[in-house]
PDB file of N, CA and C in Angstrom:
ATOM      1  N   MET A   1     -21.970 -68.741 -17.311  1.00  0.00           N
ATOM      2  CA  MET A   1     -20.208 -68.221 -16.983  1.00  0.00           C
ATOM      3  C   MET A   1     -19.693 -69.529 -16.167  1.00  0.00           C
ATOM      4  N   SER A   2     -18.684 -69.357 -17.010  1.00  0.00           N
ATOM      5  CA  SER A   2     -17.117 -69.887 -16.428  1.00  0.00           C
ATOM      6  C   SER A   2     -16.601 -69.342 -15.873  1.00  0.00           C
ATOM      7  N   ASP A   3     -16.100 -70.073 -14.513  1.00  0.00           N
ATOM      8  CA  ASP A   3     -14.943 -69.328 -14.192  1.00  0.00           C
ATOM      9  C   ASP A   3     -13.556 -69.403 -13.983  1.00  0.00           C
ATOM     10  N   ILE A   4     -12.400 -68.901 -13.374  1.00  0.00           N
ATOM     11  CA  ILE A   4     -10.765 -68.904 -13.894  1.00  0.00           C
ATOM     12  C   ILE A   4     -10.570 -70.051 -13.924  1.00  0.00           C
ATOM     13  N   ARG A   5     -10.736 -70.632 -13.119  1.00  0.00           N
ATOM     14  CA  ARG A   5     -10.210 -72.086 -12.699  1.00  0.00           C
ATOM     15  C   ARG A   5     -10.972 -72.886 -14.495  1.00  0.00           C
ATOM     16  N   GLU A   6     -11.574 -73.044 -14.561  1.00  0.00           N
ATOM     17  CA  GLU A   6     -12.118 -73.673 -15.701  1.00  0.00           C
ATOM     18  C   GLU A   6     -11.474 -73.542 -16.952  1.00  0.00           C
ATOM     19  N   VAL A   7     -11.174 -72.114 -17.248  1.00  0.00           N
ATOM     20  CA  VAL A   7     -10.420 -71.650 -18.473  1.00  0.00           C
ATOM     21  C   VAL A   7      -8.982 -71.858 -18.148  1.00  0.00           C
ATOM     22  N   ASN A   8      -8.411 -71.865 -17.056  1.00  0.00           N
ATOM     23  CA  ASN A   8      -6.854 -72.444 -16.992  1.00  0.00           C
ATOM     24  C   ASN A   8      -7.027 -74.098 -17.127  1.00  0.00           C
ATOM     25  N   TYR A   9      -8.080 -74.654 -16.391  1.00  0.00           N
ATOM     26  CA  TYR A   9      -7.907 -76.191 -17.174  1.00  0.00           C
ATOM     27  C   TYR A   9      -7.936 -76.518 -18.481  1.00  0.00           C
ATOM     28  N   THR A  10      -9.158 -75.568 -19.051  1.00  0.00           N
ATOM     29  CA  THR A  10      -9.227 -75.928 -20.209  1.00  0.00           C
ATOM     30  C   THR A  10      -8.004 -75.555 -21.546  1.00  0.00           C
ATOM     31  N   VAL A  11      -7.327 -74.305 -20.858  1.00  0.00           N
ATOM     32  CA  VAL A  11      -6.504 -73.718 -21.806  1.00  0.00           C
ATOM     33  C   VAL A  11      -5.466 -75.002 -21.869  1.00  0.00           C
ATOM     34  N   GLY A  12      -4.869 -75.883 -20.515  1.00  0.00           N
ATOM     35  CA  GLY A  12      -4.023 -76.205 -20.366  1.00  0.00           C
ATOM     36  C   GLY A  12      -4.130 -77.521 -20.863  1.00  0.00           C
ATOM     37  N   GLU A  13      -5.241 -77.789 -21.086  1.00  0.00           N
ATOM     38  CA  GLU A  13      -5.467 -79.643 -21.702  1.00  0.00           C
ATOM     39  C   GLU A  13      -5.470 -79.165 -22.952  1.00  0.00           C
ATOM     40  N   PHE A  14      -5.816 -78.250 -23.786  1.00  0.00           N
ATOM     41  CA  PHE A  14      -5.812 -78.189 -24.644  1.00  0.00           C
ATOM     42  C   PHE A  14      -4.652 -78.003 -25.816  1.00  0.00           C
ATOM     43  N   LEU A  15      -3.543 -76.787 -24.907  1.00  0.00           N
ATOM     44  CA  LEU A  15      -2.195 -77.144 -25.262  1.00  0.00           C
ATOM     45  C   LEU A  15      -1.745 -78.354 -25.472  1.00  0.00           C
ATOM     46  N   LYS A  16      -1.655 -78.921 -23.673  1.00  0.00           N
ATOM     47  CA  LYS A  16      -0.834 -80.383 -24.177  1.00  0.00           C
ATOM     48  C   LYS A  16      -1.343 -81.759 -25.185  1.00  0.00           C
ATOM     49  N   SER A  17      -2.384 -81.117 -25.650  1.00  0.00           N
ATOM     50  CA  SER A  17      -3.058 -82.058 -26.269  1.00  0.00           C
ATOM     51  C   SER A  17      -2.439 -81.914 -27.675  1.00  0.00           C
ATOM     52  N   VAL A  18      -2.880 -80.262 -27.962  1.00  0.00           N
ATOM     53  CA  VAL A  18      -2.126 -80.380 -29.754  1.00  0.00           C
ATOM     54  C   VAL A  18      -0.761 -79.781 -29.459  1.00  0.00           C
ATOM     55  N   LEU A  19      -0.215 -79.633 -28.628  1.00  0.00           N
ATOM     56  CA  LEU A  19       1.736 -79.423 -28.609  1.00  0.00           C
ATOM     57  C   LEU A  19       2.557 -80.680 -28.320  1.00  0.00           C
ATOM     58  N   ASN A  20       1.553 -81.534 -27.624  1.00  0.00           N
ATOM     59  CA  ASN A  20       2.305 -82.713 -27.000  1.00  0.00           C
ATOM     60  C   ASN A  20       3.276 -82.263 -25.603  1.00  0.00           C
ATOM     61  N   ALA A  21       2.950 -81.188 -25.025  1.00  0.00           N
ATOM     62  CA  ALA A  21       3.163 -80.462 -24.086  1.00  0.00           C
ATOM     63  C   ALA A  21       3.141 -81.544 -22.610  1.00  0.00           C
ATOM     64  N   LYS A  22       3.975 -81.258 -21.779  1.00  0.00           N
ATOM     65  CA  LYS A  22       4.748 -82.025 -20.567  1.00  0.00           C
ATOM     66  C   LYS A  22       3.324 -81.232 -19.705  1.00  0.00           C
ATOM     67  N   GLU A  23       4.312 -79.812 -19.753  1.00  0.00           N
ATOM     68  CA  GLU A  23       3.510 -78.896 -18.694  1.00  0.00           C
ATOM     69  C   GLU A  23       3.144 -77.264 -18.888  1.00  0.00           C
ATOM     70  N   VAL A  24       2.316 -77.031 -18.853  1.00  0.00           N
ATOM     71  CA  VAL A  24       2.100 -75.307 -19.393  1.00  0.00           C
ATOM     72  C   VAL A  24       1.511 -74.910 -18.083  1.00  0.00           C
ATOM     73  N   LYS A  25       1.829 -73.938 -18.272  1.00  0.00           N
ATOM     74  CA  LYS A  25       1.530 -72.825 -17.292  1.00  0.00           C
ATOM     75  C   LYS A  25       0.790 -71.398 -17.818  1.00  0.00           C
ATOM     76  N   ILE A  26      -0.348 -71.060 -17.586  1.00  0.00           N
ATOM     77  CA  ILE A  26      -0.876 -70.176 -17.507  1.00  0.00           C
ATOM     78  C   ILE A  26      -0.612 -68.880 -16.632  1.00  0.00           C
ATOM     79  N   ILE A  27      -0.379 -67.792 -17.737  1.00  0.00           N
ATOM     80  CA  ILE A  27       0.101 -66.700 -17.134  1.00  0.00           C
ATOM     81  C   ILE A  27      -0.764 -65.753 -16.798  1.00  0.00           C
ATOM     82  N   LYS A  28      -1.948 -65.622 -18.109  1.00  0.00           N
ATOM     83  CA  LYS A  28      -2.443 -64.289 -18.393  1.00  0.00           C
ATOM     84  C   LYS A  28      -3.947 -64.819 -18.438  1.00  0.00           C
ATOM     85  N   VAL A  29      -5.112 -64.136 -18.058  1.00  0.00           N
ATOM     86  CA  VAL A  29      -6.647 -64.680 -18.179  1.00  0.00           C
ATOM     87  C   VAL A  29      -7.211 -63.300 -18.324  1.00  0.00           C
ATOM     88  N   ILE A  30      -7.716 -62.891 -18.888  1.00  0.00           N
ATOM     89  CA  ILE A  30      -8.767 -61.640 -19.597  1.00  0.00           C
ATOM     90  C   ILE A  30     -10.476 -62.135 -19.512  1.00  0.00           C
ATOM     91  N   GLN A  31     -11.032 -61.621 -18.871  1.00  0.00           N
ATOM     92  CA  GLN A  31     -12.466 -61.711 -19.222  1.00  0.00           C
ATOM     93  C   GLN A  31     -12.995 -60.688 -20.422  1.00  0.00           C
ATOM     94  N   LYS A  32     -13.503 -61.307 -20.894  1.00  0.00           N
ATOM     95  CA  LYS A  32     -13.900 -60.172 -22.254  1.00  0.00           C
ATOM     96  C   LYS A  32     -15.241 -60.494 -22.479  1.00  0.00           C
ATOM     97  N   SER A  33     -16.125 -59.409 -23.400  1.00  0.00           N
ATOM     98  CA  SER A  33     -17.440 -59.623 -23.586  1.00  0.00           C
ATOM     99  C   SER A  33     -17.603 -60.720 -24.574  1.00  0.00           C
ATOM    100  N   GLY A  34     -17.967 -61.513 -24.241  1.00  0.00           N
ATOM    101  CA  GLY A  34     -18.337 -62.969 -24.942  1.00  0.00           C
ATOM    102  C   GLY A  34     -17.280 -64.347 -24.838  1.00  0.00           C
ATOM    103  N   GLY A  35     -16.193 -63.953 -23.756  1.00  0.00           N
ATOM    104  CA  GLY A  35     -15.223 -64.790 -24.053  1.00  0.00           C
ATOM    105  C   GLY A  35     -13.916 -64.516 -22.898  1.00  0.00           C
ATOM    106  N   TRP A  36     -13.015 -64.943 -23.388  1.00  0.00           N
ATOM    107  CA  TRP A  36     -11.744 -65.115 -22.467  1.00  0.00           C
ATOM    108  C   TRP A  36     -10.735 -64.402 -23.688  1.00  0.00           C
ATOM    109  N   GLU A  37      -9.080 -64.276 -22.979  1.00  0.00           N
ATOM    110  CA  GLU A  37      -8.148 -64.461 -23.881  1.00  0.00           C
ATOM    111  C   GLU A  37      -7.217 -64.644 -22.368  1.00  0.00           C
ATOM    112  N   THR A  38      -6.355 -65.400 -23.087  1.00  0.00           N
ATOM    113  CA  THR A  38      -5.409 -65.835 -22.202  1.00  0.00           C
ATOM    114  C   THR A  38      -4.126 -66.035 -22.773  1.00  0.00           C
ATOM    115  N   GLU A  39      -2.997 -66.189 -21.822  1.00  0.00           N
ATOM    116  CA  GLU A  39      -1.507 -66.028 -22.502  1.00  0.00           C
ATOM    117  C   GLU A  39      -0.970 -67.588 -21.565  1.00  0.00           C
ATOM    118  N   ALA A  40      -0.576 -68.528 -22.299  1.00  0.00           N
ATOM    119  CA  ALA A  40       0.416 -69.588 -21.463  1.00  0.00           C
ATOM    120  C   ALA A  40       1.562 -69.837 -21.860  1.00  0.00           C
ATOM    121  N   GLU A  41       2.553 -70.346 -20.922  1.00  0.00           N
ATOM    122  CA  GLU A  41       3.808 -70.433 -20.956  1.00  0.00           C
ATOM    123  C   GLU A  41       4.062 -71.867 -20.845  1.00  0.00           C
ATOM    124  N   VAL A  42       4.793 -72.280 -22.169  1.00  0.00           N
ATOM    125  CA  VAL A  42       4.881 -73.596 -22.722  1.00  0.00           C
ATOM    126  C   VAL A  42       6.720 -74.087 -23.116  1.00  0.00           C
ATOM    127  N   TYR A  43       6.947 -74.942 -22.637  1.00  0.00           N
ATOM    128  CA  TYR A  43       8.143 -75.510 -22.717  1.00  0.00           C
ATOM    129  C   TYR A  43       8.157 -76.741 -23.922  1.00  0.00           C
ATOM    130  N   GLU A  44       9.219 -76.694 -24.667  1.00  0.00           N
ATOM    131  CA  GLU A  44       8.775 -77.015 -25.847  1.00  0.00           C
ATOM    132  C   GLU A  44      10.639 -78.278 -26.327  1.00  0.00           C
ATOM    133  N   GLU A  45      10.203 -79.279 -26.814  1.00  0.00           N
ATOM    134  CA  GLU A  45      11.482 -79.347 -27.413  1.00  0.00           C
ATOM    135  C   GLU A  45      12.091 -78.279 -27.807  1.00  0.00           C
ATOM    136  N   SER A  46      13.280 -78.401 -28.043  1.00  0.00           N
ATOM    137  CA  SER A  46      14.394 -77.351 -29.223  1.00  0.00           C
ATOM    138  C   SER A  46      13.923 -77.649 -30.282  1.00  0.00           C
ATOM    139  N   SER A  47      13.445 -76.935 -31.245  1.00  0.00           N
ATOM    140  CA  SER A  47      12.789 -77.304 -32.677  1.00  0.00           C
ATOM    141  C   SER A  47      14.124 -77.246 -33.405  1.00  0.00           C
ATOM    142  N   PHE A  48      15.158 -76.234 -33.365  1.00  0.00           N
ATOM    143  CA  PHE A  48      16.549 -76.335 -33.796  1.00  0.00           C
ATOM    144  C   PHE A  48      17.272 -77.408 -33.458  1.00  0.00           C
ATOM    145  N   ILE A  49      17.543 -77.639 -32.125  1.00  0.00           N
ATOM    146  CA  ILE A  49      18.091 -78.979 -31.677  1.00  0.00           C
ATOM    147  C   ILE A  49      17.906 -80.355 -32.340  1.00  0.00           C
ATOM    148  N   LYS A  50      16.384 -80.174 -32.528  1.00  0.00           N
ATOM    149  CA  LYS A  50      15.579 -81.388 -32.949  1.00  0.00           C
ATOM    150  C   LYS A  50      15.848 -81.680 -34.105  1.00  0.00           C
ATOM    151  N   ALA A  51      15.583 -80.406 -34.663  1.00  0.00           N
ATOM    152  CA  ALA A  51      16.004 -80.566 -36.407  1.00  0.00           C
ATOM    153  C   ALA A  51      17.757 -81.258 -36.872  1.00  0.00           C
ATOM    154  N   LEU A  52      18.781 -81.019 -35.474  1.00  0.00           N
ATOM    155  CA  LEU A  52      19.690 -81.455 -35.975  1.00  0.00           C
ATOM    156  C   LEU A  52      20.168 -83.017 -35.700  1.00  0.00           C
ATOM    157  N   GLY A  53      18.804 -83.193 -34.998  1.00  0.00           N
ATOM    158  CA  GLY A  53      18.774 -85.162 -34.700  1.00  0.00           C
ATOM    159  C   GLY A  53      19.922 -85.150 -33.266  1.00  0.00           C
ATOM    160  N   LEU A  54      20.098 -83.996 -32.925  1.00  0.00           N
ATOM    161  CA  LEU A  54      20.690 -84.279 -31.711  1.00  0.00           C
ATOM    162  C   LEU A  54      19.929 -84.648 -30.137  1.00  0.00           C
ATOM    163  N   PRO A  55      20.595 -85.787 -29.410  1.00  0.00           N
ATOM    164  CA  PRO A  55      19.711 -86.587 -28.045  1.00  0.00           C
ATOM    165  C   PRO A  55      19.889 -85.179 -27.199  1.00  0.00           C
ATOM    166  N   THR A  56      19.167 -84.944 -26.885  1.00  0.00           N
ATOM    167  CA  THR A  56      19.379 -83.728 -25.670  1.00  0.00           C
ATOM    168  C   THR A  56      18.128 -83.349 -25.040  1.00  0.00           C
ATOM    169  N   ARG A  57      17.862 -82.831 -23.815  1.00  0.00           N
ATOM    170  CA  ARG A  57      16.647 -82.256 -22.961  1.00  0.00           C
ATOM    171  C   ARG A  57      16.124 -81.176 -23.509  1.00  0.00           C
ATOM    172  N   VAL A  58      17.355 -80.014 -24.164  1.00  0.00           N
ATOM    173  CA  VAL A  58      16.850 -78.640 -24.319  1.00  0.00           C
ATOM    174  C   VAL A  58      15.616 -78.667 -24.613  1.00  0.00           C
ATOM    175  N   MET A  59      14.742 -77.416 -23.688  1.00  0.00           N
ATOM    176  CA  MET A  59      13.983 -77.138 -23.823  1.00  0.00           C
ATOM    177  C   MET A  59      13.609 -75.638 -24.267  1.00  0.00           C
ATOM    178  N   ASP A  60      12.797 -75.599 -25.159  1.00  0.00           N
ATOM    179  CA  ASP A  60      12.406 -73.456 -25.603  1.00  0.00           C
ATOM    180  C   ASP A  60      11.133 -72.970 -24.566  1.00  0.00           C
ATOM    181  N   ARG A  61      11.265 -72.139 -24.874  1.00  0.00           N
ATOM    182  CA  ARG A  61      10.186 -71.453 -23.836  1.00  0.00           C
ATOM    183  C   ARG A  61       9.105 -70.534 -24.866  1.00  0.00           C
ATOM    184  N   ASN A  62       7.986 -70.855 -25.230  1.00  0.00           N
ATOM    185  CA  ASN A  62       7.558 -70.043 -25.602  1.00  0.00           C
ATOM    186  C   ASN A  62       6.075 -70.023 -25.240  1.00  0.00           C
ATOM    187  N   LEU A  63       5.621 -68.773 -25.940  1.00  0.00           N
ATOM    188  CA  LEU A  63       4.239 -68.393 -25.587  1.00  0.00           C
ATOM    189  C   LEU A  63       3.277 -68.636 -25.972  1.00  0.00           C
ATOM    190  N   TYR A  64       1.892 -68.686 -25.301  1.00  0.00           N
ATOM    191  CA  TYR A  64       1.024 -68.802 -26.951  1.00  0.00           C
ATOM    192  C   TYR A  64      -0.032 -68.137 -26.110  1.00  0.00           C
ATOM    193  N   THR A  65      -1.269 -67.744 -27.217  1.00  0.00           N
ATOM    194  CA  THR A  65      -2.180 -66.557 -26.732  1.00  0.00           C
ATOM    195  C   THR A  65      -3.383 -67.719 -27.261  1.00  0.00           C
ATOM    196  N   VAL A  66      -4.156 -67.693 -26.544  1.00  0.00           N
ATOM    197  CA  VAL A  66      -5.376 -68.834 -26.285  1.00  0.00           C
ATOM    198  C   VAL A  66      -7.051 -68.084 -26.450  1.00  0.00           C
ATOM    199  N   VAL A  67      -7.809 -67.918 -27.126  1.00  0.00           N
ATOM    200  CA  VAL A  67      -9.158 -66.650 -27.255  1.00  0.00           C
ATOM    201  C   VAL A  67     -10.049 -68.123 -27.334  1.00  0.00           C
ATOM    202  N   LEU A  68     -11.168 -67.872 -26.084  1.00  0.00           N
ATOM    203  CA  LEU A  68     -12.453 -68.761 -25.803  1.00  0.00           C
ATOM    204  C   LEU A  68     -13.273 -67.950 -25.930  1.00  0.00           C
ATOM    205  N   ASP A  69     -14.490 -68.848 -26.728  1.00  0.00           N
ATOM    206  CA  ASP A  69     -15.889 -68.218 -26.282  1.00  0.00           C
ATOM    207  C   ASP A  69     -16.410 -67.967 -24.951  1.00  0.00           C
ATOM    208  N   GLN A  70     -17.873 -67.679 -24.675  1.00  0.00           N
ATOM    209  CA  GLN A  70     -18.012 -68.135 -23.171  1.00  0.00           C
ATOM    210  C   GLN A  70     -18.427 -69.284 -22.804  1.00  0.00           C
ATOM    211  N   ASN A  71     -18.540 -70.249 -23.930  1.00  0.00           N
ATOM    212  CA  ASN A  71     -18.572 -71.453 -23.544  1.00  0.00           C
ATOM    213  C   ASN A  71     -17.428 -72.157 -23.592  1.00  0.00           C
ATOM    214  N   LEU A  72     -16.556 -72.123 -23.310  1.00  0.00           N
ATOM    215  CA  LEU A  72     -15.006 -72.385 -23.055  1.00  0.00           C
ATOM    216  C   LEU A  72     -14.518 -73.197 -24.439  1.00  0.00           C
ATOM    217  N   GLY A  73     -15.161 -72.853 -25.544  1.00  0.00           N
ATOM    218  CA  GLY A  73     -15.154 -73.590 -26.839  1.00  0.00           C
ATOM    219  C   GLY A  73     -13.740 -72.557 -27.504  1.00  0.00           C
ATOM    220  N   ILE A  74     -12.344 -73.176 -27.745  1.00  0.00           N
ATOM    221  CA  ILE A  74     -11.255 -72.456 -28.299  1.00  0.00           C
ATOM    222  C   ILE A  74     -11.761 -72.017 -29.776  1.00  0.00           C
ATOM    223  N   GLU A  75     -11.326 -70.827 -29.521  1.00  0.00           N
ATOM    224  CA  GLU A  75     -11.818 -69.824 -30.755  1.00  0.00           C
ATOM    225  C   GLU A  75     -10.587 -69.490 -32.074  1.00  0.00           C
ATOM    226  N   SER A  76      -9.337 -69.719 -30.966  1.00  0.00           N
ATOM    227  CA  SER A  76      -7.786 -69.522 -31.768  1.00  0.00           C
ATOM    228  C   SER A  76      -6.819 -69.766 -30.888  1.00  0.00           C
ATOM    229  N   TYR A  77      -5.683 -69.728 -31.378  1.00  0.00           N
ATOM    230  CA  TYR A  77      -4.574 -70.002 -30.405  1.00  0.00           C
ATOM    231  C   TYR A  77      -3.461 -69.627 -31.693  1.00  0.00           C
ATOM    232  N   ALA A  78      -2.477 -68.881 -30.718  1.00  0.00           N
ATOM    233  CA  ALA A  78      -1.047 -68.506 -31.826  1.00  0.00           C
ATOM    234  C   ALA A  78       0.129 -68.490 -30.870  1.00  0.00           C
ATOM    235  N   ARG A  79       1.089 -68.964 -31.758  1.00  0.00           N
ATOM    236  CA  ARG A  79       2.364 -68.785 -30.844  1.00  0.00           C
ATOM    237  C   ARG A  79       2.850 -67.482 -30.849  1.00  0.00           C
ATOM    238  N   LYS A  80       3.477 -66.416 -29.607  1.00  0.00           N
ATOM    239  CA  LYS A  80       4.187 -65.295 -29.982  1.00  0.00           C
ATOM    240  C   LYS A  80       4.999 -65.154 -30.359  1.00  0.00           C
ATOM    241  N   GLU A  81       5.718 -64.316 -31.025  1.00  0.00           N
ATOM    242  CA  GLU A  81       7.203 -63.830 -31.836  1.00  0.00           C
ATOM    243  C   GLU A  81       8.028 -64.337 -31.247  1.00  0.00           C
ATOM    244  N   ARG A  82       8.077 -63.436 -29.840  1.00  0.00           N
ATOM    245  CA  ARG A  82       9.307 -63.636 -29.168  1.00  0.00           C
ATOM    246  C   ARG A  82       8.951 -63.556 -27.901  1.00  0.00           C
ATOM    247  N   VAL A  83       9.617 -64.249 -27.320  1.00  0.00           N
ATOM    248  CA  VAL A  83       9.715 -64.334 -25.589  1.00  0.00           C
ATOM    249  C   VAL A  83      10.651 -63.124 -24.978  1.00  0.00           C
ATOM    250  N   GLU A  84       9.844 -62.035 -24.384  1.00  0.00           N
ATOM    251  CA  GLU A  84      10.959 -61.122 -23.695  1.00  0.00           C
ATOM    252  C   GLU A  84      11.844 -61.492 -22.715  1.00  0.00           C
ATOM    253  N   GLN A  85      12.989 -61.088 -22.366  1.00  0.00           N
ATOM    254  CA  GLN A  85      13.803 -61.797 -21.543  1.00  0.00           C
ATOM    255  C   GLN A  85      13.501 -60.770 -20.020  1.00  0.00           C
ATOM    256  N   GLU A  86      13.506 -61.305 -19.280  1.00  0.00           N
ATOM    257  CA  GLU A  86      12.956 -60.562 -17.871  1.00  0.00           C
ATOM    258  C   GLU A  86      14.061 -60.157 -17.590  1.00  0.00           C
ATOM    259  N   GLU A  87      14.609 -58.899 -16.376  1.00  0.00           N
ATOM    260  CA  GLU A  87      15.759 -58.427 -16.132  1.00  0.00           C
ATOM    261  C   GLU A  87      15.391 -58.477 -15.026  1.00  0.00           C
TER     262      GLU A  87
END
């Protein structure tokens, strides 16, 4: 059975490679029967600014859910619709 450190590393490396992200912060890890469910915070180039062709370093904060099996194989990943603002 894998431990949380291995899960964090696997998810971080996966999202960096798939999203071409420089930094990934794992903010939630839950062990479920048969695997793991994680949530990660990723800062990506603003797709809106990029579409306009403007040179800027504006980053969007996006949250992703990643589900892994017990052998740390990625089963699914998805961007969450909204990032709720913290007050």
